[in-house]
Amino acid sequence: MSFRSLEGERPPRGTPANPLPLTDVNAMRAMAHPARIALHLHLALEGPATATECSPVVGLSPSACSYHLRQLARYGFVEQAPAMAANGRERPWRATVIATQLGEFDDPAKVMAAELLRRTVDEHWQDVRRRYHAAEADYPRGWREAAGTDHSVVHVTPAELRRLREQIQALYLPLTRLAGEERPEGAQRVQLLLDFVPMFEPPEPGAP
């Protein structure tokens, strides 16, 4: 699966370089489920797979996977891909959206749905982090030395912070390598989690 664009063209919507904005309450609620997040991520990274093939990934039965996949398909996150089936009996699914982005909302229902989705996604990423640290000693030394967490504090303006995010994205986006043939020998999947969290209190209502 490759999402390269021609030079000068904006990458396709729903790809890491051009995330799809999530604004629909029901779509956000549908995605805010641990199994659906895991299923969607698996299809996005590994390509088409059947519910049976997805079963061990999320620890659910094939029928349960089928249910969650249908819910994702209802809101356009995945779709069935019969043309990619190895035979006429298989029903593989593929991700139609690889990357999404939550915006800022005024509608209370959207605010709550977005917060639920953020918490569920965050818990998924933290689970990956906890599993690694629980077995860290079993990983090769080279991977242990390369992995880790950096902590720092910067003093920036909003414009500087946005520019910093864009500069960091420019470094890691080429390494997403969604197409397997783009991955060099020895490449393994590594979770990249960047947080840009204000440490100051929000201004009082009506303050300049």
Protein backbone atom coordinates (compact mmCIF):
# COMPACT_ATOMS: atom_id res chain seq x y z
CA MET A 1 0.00 0.00 0.00
CA SER A 2 1.67 3.22 -1.11
CA PHE A 3 0.44 6.78 -0.78
CA ARG A 4 3.11 8.69 -2.65
CA SER A 5 1.94 11.79 -4.49
CA LEU A 6 3.35 13.56 -7.47
CA GLU A 7 5.75 16.39 -6.73
CA GLY A 8 3.85 19.56 -5.92
CA GLU A 9 0.58 17.72 -5.23
CA ARG A 10 -0.97 17.41 -1.78
CA PRO A 11 -0.92 13.82 -0.49
CA PRO A 12 -4.25 11.97 -0.63
CA ARG A 13 -6.71 12.73 2.17
CA GLY A 14 -6.55 10.23 5.00
CA THR A 15 -2.81 9.53 4.69
CA PRO A 16 -0.17 10.37 7.33
CA ALA A 17 0.88 13.53 5.47
CA ASN A 18 -2.74 14.67 5.09
CA PRO A 19 -4.92 13.24 7.91
CA LEU A 20 -8.67 13.07 7.53
CA PRO A 21 -10.41 15.46 9.97
CA LEU A 22 -12.90 13.64 12.19
CA THR A 23 -15.96 15.77 12.85
CA ASP A 24 -18.84 13.28 12.94
CA VAL A 25 -19.93 12.32 16.47
CA ASN A 26 -21.00 8.80 15.52
CA ALA A 27 -17.79 8.15 13.60
CA MET A 28 -15.70 9.22 16.60
CA ARG A 29 -17.77 7.03 18.92
CA ALA A 30 -17.47 4.08 16.53
CA MET A 31 -13.70 4.33 16.47
CA ALA A 32 -13.42 4.78 20.25
CA HIS A 33 -13.21 1.06 20.96
CA PRO A 34 -9.94 -0.76 21.75
CA ALA A 35 -10.65 -3.63 19.36
CA ARG A 36 -11.55 -1.31 16.49
CA ILE A 37 -8.45 0.79 16.99
CA ALA A 38 -6.31 -2.36 16.93
CA LEU A 39 -8.11 -3.73 13.85
CA HIS A 40 -7.83 -0.48 11.94
CA LEU A 41 -4.14 -0.12 12.80
CA HIS A 42 -3.44 -3.69 11.71
CA LEU A 43 -5.12 -3.20 8.33
CA ALA A 44 -3.39 0.15 7.83
CA LEU A 45 0.07 -1.26 8.54
CA GLU A 46 -0.18 -4.79 7.18
CA GLY A 47 -2.64 -4.41 4.34
CA PRO A 48 -5.81 -6.42 3.58
CA ALA A 49 -6.75 -9.23 5.96
CA THR A 50 -9.78 -11.36 6.71
CA ALA A 51 -11.60 -11.37 10.03
CA THR A 52 -10.02 -14.76 10.74
CA GLU A 53 -6.54 -13.37 10.11
CA CYS A 54 -7.31 -10.39 12.35
CA SER A 55 -8.58 -12.60 15.16
CA PRO A 56 -5.21 -13.33 16.87
CA VAL A 57 -4.16 -9.70 16.51
CA VAL A 58 -6.95 -8.41 18.76
CA GLY A 59 -7.62 -11.58 20.75
CA LEU A 60 -11.23 -11.91 19.60
CA SER A 61 -13.16 -14.53 17.66
CA PRO A 62 -13.49 -14.11 13.88
CA SER A 63 -17.21 -13.38 14.30
CA ALA A 64 -16.46 -10.62 16.83
CA CYS A 65 -13.83 -9.19 14.46
CA SER A 66 -16.37 -9.21 11.65
CA TYR A 67 -18.79 -7.23 13.79
CA HIS A 68 -16.21 -4.58 14.64
CA LEU A 69 -15.02 -4.40 11.04
CA ARG A 70 -18.56 -3.79 9.86
CA GLN A 71 -18.87 -0.94 12.35
CA LEU A 72 -15.66 0.59 11.02
CA ALA A 73 -16.92 0.15 7.46
CA ARG A 74 -20.18 1.91 8.33
CA TYR A 75 -18.23 5.14 8.82
CA GLY A 76 -15.76 4.70 5.99
CA PHE A 77 -12.65 3.63 7.91
CA VAL A 78 -12.40 0.23 6.17
CA GLU A 79 -14.05 -1.62 3.32
CA GLN A 80 -14.24 -5.13 1.96
CA ALA A 81 -11.75 -5.88 -0.80
CA PRO A 82 -13.01 -8.96 -2.69
CA ALA A 83 -10.53 -8.37 -5.51
CA MET A 84 -7.71 -9.08 -3.05
CA ALA A 85 -9.10 -12.43 -1.92
CA ALA A 86 -6.94 -15.50 -2.46
CA ASN A 87 -10.06 -17.47 -3.32
CA GLY A 88 -13.78 -16.89 -3.72
CA ARG A 89 -14.56 -17.84 -0.12
CA GLU A 90 -12.34 -15.30 1.62
CA ARG A 91 -13.57 -11.83 2.45
CA PRO A 92 -10.59 -9.59 3.15
CA TRP A 93 -10.89 -6.07 4.50
CA ARG A 94 -8.70 -3.08 3.75
CA ALA A 95 -8.21 0.28 5.41
CA THR A 96 -9.54 3.20 3.39
CA VAL A 97 -8.31 5.83 5.84
CA ILE A 98 -4.83 5.57 7.30
CA ALA A 99 -4.58 8.73 9.39
CA THR A 100 -7.17 10.90 11.11
CA GLN A 101 -7.08 14.13 13.05
CA LEU A 102 -9.34 15.54 15.74
CA GLY A 103 -10.11 19.23 15.63
CA GLU A 104 -11.41 21.72 18.15
CA PHE A 105 -15.17 21.62 18.76
CA ASP A 106 -17.74 23.84 20.44
CA ASP A 107 -20.58 21.29 20.31
CA PRO A 108 -20.63 19.48 23.71
CA ALA A 109 -21.51 16.15 22.06
CA LYS A 110 -18.51 16.41 19.75
CA VAL A 111 -16.25 17.46 22.61
CA MET A 112 -17.25 14.38 24.61
CA ALA A 113 -16.89 12.03 21.63
CA ALA A 114 -13.47 13.45 20.79
CA GLU A 115 -12.29 13.12 24.39
CA LEU A 116 -13.46 9.50 24.53
CA LEU A 117 -11.59 8.73 21.33
CA ARG A 118 -8.44 10.49 22.56
CA ARG A 119 -8.48 8.49 25.80
CA THR A 120 -9.00 5.19 23.99
CA VAL A 121 -6.24 5.86 21.49
CA ASP A 122 -3.89 7.00 24.24
CA GLU A 123 -4.56 3.84 26.23
CA HIS A 124 -3.72 1.74 23.15
CA TRP A 125 -0.36 3.47 22.69
CA GLN A 126 0.42 3.24 26.39
CA ASP A 127 -0.31 -0.50 26.31
CA VAL A 128 2.33 -0.90 23.60
CA ARG A 129 4.79 1.07 25.72
CA ARG A 130 4.06 -1.03 28.84
CA ARG A 131 4.47 -4.30 26.94
CA TYR A 132 7.87 -3.21 25.67
CA HIS A 133 9.14 -2.17 29.09
CA ALA A 134 7.87 -5.41 30.62
CA ALA A 135 10.10 -7.39 28.23
CA GLU A 136 12.79 -4.76 27.54
CA ALA A 137 15.65 -6.98 28.71
CA ASP A 138 14.78 -9.57 26.05
CA TYR A 139 15.33 -7.18 23.14
CA PRO A 140 18.68 -6.99 21.31
CA ARG A 141 21.07 -4.41 22.71
CA GLY A 142 20.97 -2.29 19.57
CA TRP A 143 17.21 -1.87 19.83
CA ARG A 144 17.39 -1.12 23.57
CA GLU A 145 19.96 1.59 22.97
CA ALA A 146 17.99 3.15 20.10
CA ALA A 147 14.63 3.04 21.86
CA GLY A 148 13.62 5.17 24.80
CA THR A 149 11.82 8.31 25.86
CA ASP A 150 13.10 11.87 25.78
CA HIS A 151 11.73 14.44 28.18
CA SER A 152 12.28 18.15 27.83
CA VAL A 153 10.66 21.54 28.30
CA VAL A 154 10.67 24.30 25.68
CA HIS A 155 9.51 27.90 25.84
CA VAL A 156 7.84 28.76 22.55
CA THR A 157 5.13 30.82 20.95
CA PRO A 158 2.18 29.05 19.29
CA ALA A 159 3.74 29.72 15.88
CA GLU A 160 7.08 28.28 16.98
CA LEU A 161 5.41 25.18 18.40
CA ARG A 162 3.49 24.56 15.18
CA ARG A 163 6.69 25.00 13.17
CA LEU A 164 8.50 22.56 15.48
CA ARG A 165 5.79 19.93 14.94
CA GLU A 166 5.98 20.39 11.19
CA GLN A 167 9.77 20.02 11.23
CA ILE A 168 9.59 16.81 13.26
CA GLN A 169 6.86 15.42 10.99
CA ALA A 170 9.05 16.10 7.97
CA LEU A 171 11.68 13.82 9.54
CA TYR A 172 9.50 10.86 10.45
CA LEU A 173 6.80 10.78 7.76
CA PRO A 174 9.14 9.34 5.08
CA LEU A 175 9.88 6.48 7.49
CA THR A 176 6.26 5.34 7.85
CA ARG A 177 6.81 3.12 4.79
CA LEU A 178 3.32 1.68 4.60
CA ALA A 179 4.26 -0.35 1.53
CA GLY A 180 6.24 -3.40 2.58
CA GLU A 181 8.62 -3.13 -0.36
CA GLU A 182 9.72 0.29 0.91
CA ARG A 183 11.02 -1.17 4.17
CA PRO A 184 14.75 -1.96 4.18
CA GLU A 185 16.07 -5.27 5.45
CA GLY A 186 16.07 -5.34 9.23
CA ALA A 187 13.35 -2.70 9.57
CA GLN A 188 10.95 -3.36 12.45
CA ARG A 189 7.84 -1.54 13.62
CA VAL A 190 8.51 1.12 16.24
CA GLN A 191 5.88 3.20 18.00
CA LEU A 192 6.50 6.94 17.81
CA LEU A 193 4.52 8.99 20.31
CA LEU A 194 5.08 12.75 20.51
CA ASP A 195 3.31 14.90 23.07
CA PHE A 196 3.20 18.67 22.96
CA VAL A 197 1.37 19.53 26.18
CA PRO A 198 1.06 23.05 27.65
CA MET A 199 2.37 23.25 31.22
CA PHE A 200 0.68 26.58 31.93
CA GLU A 201 -2.83 27.23 33.16
CA PRO A 202 -5.41 28.44 30.61
CA PRO A 203 -6.30 32.14 30.77
CA GLU A 204 -9.33 33.29 32.71
CA PRO A 205 -12.49 33.84 30.64
CA GLY A 206 -12.41 37.30 29.11
CA ALA A 207 -8.69 37.76 29.66
CA PRO A 208 -6.69 39.11 26.70
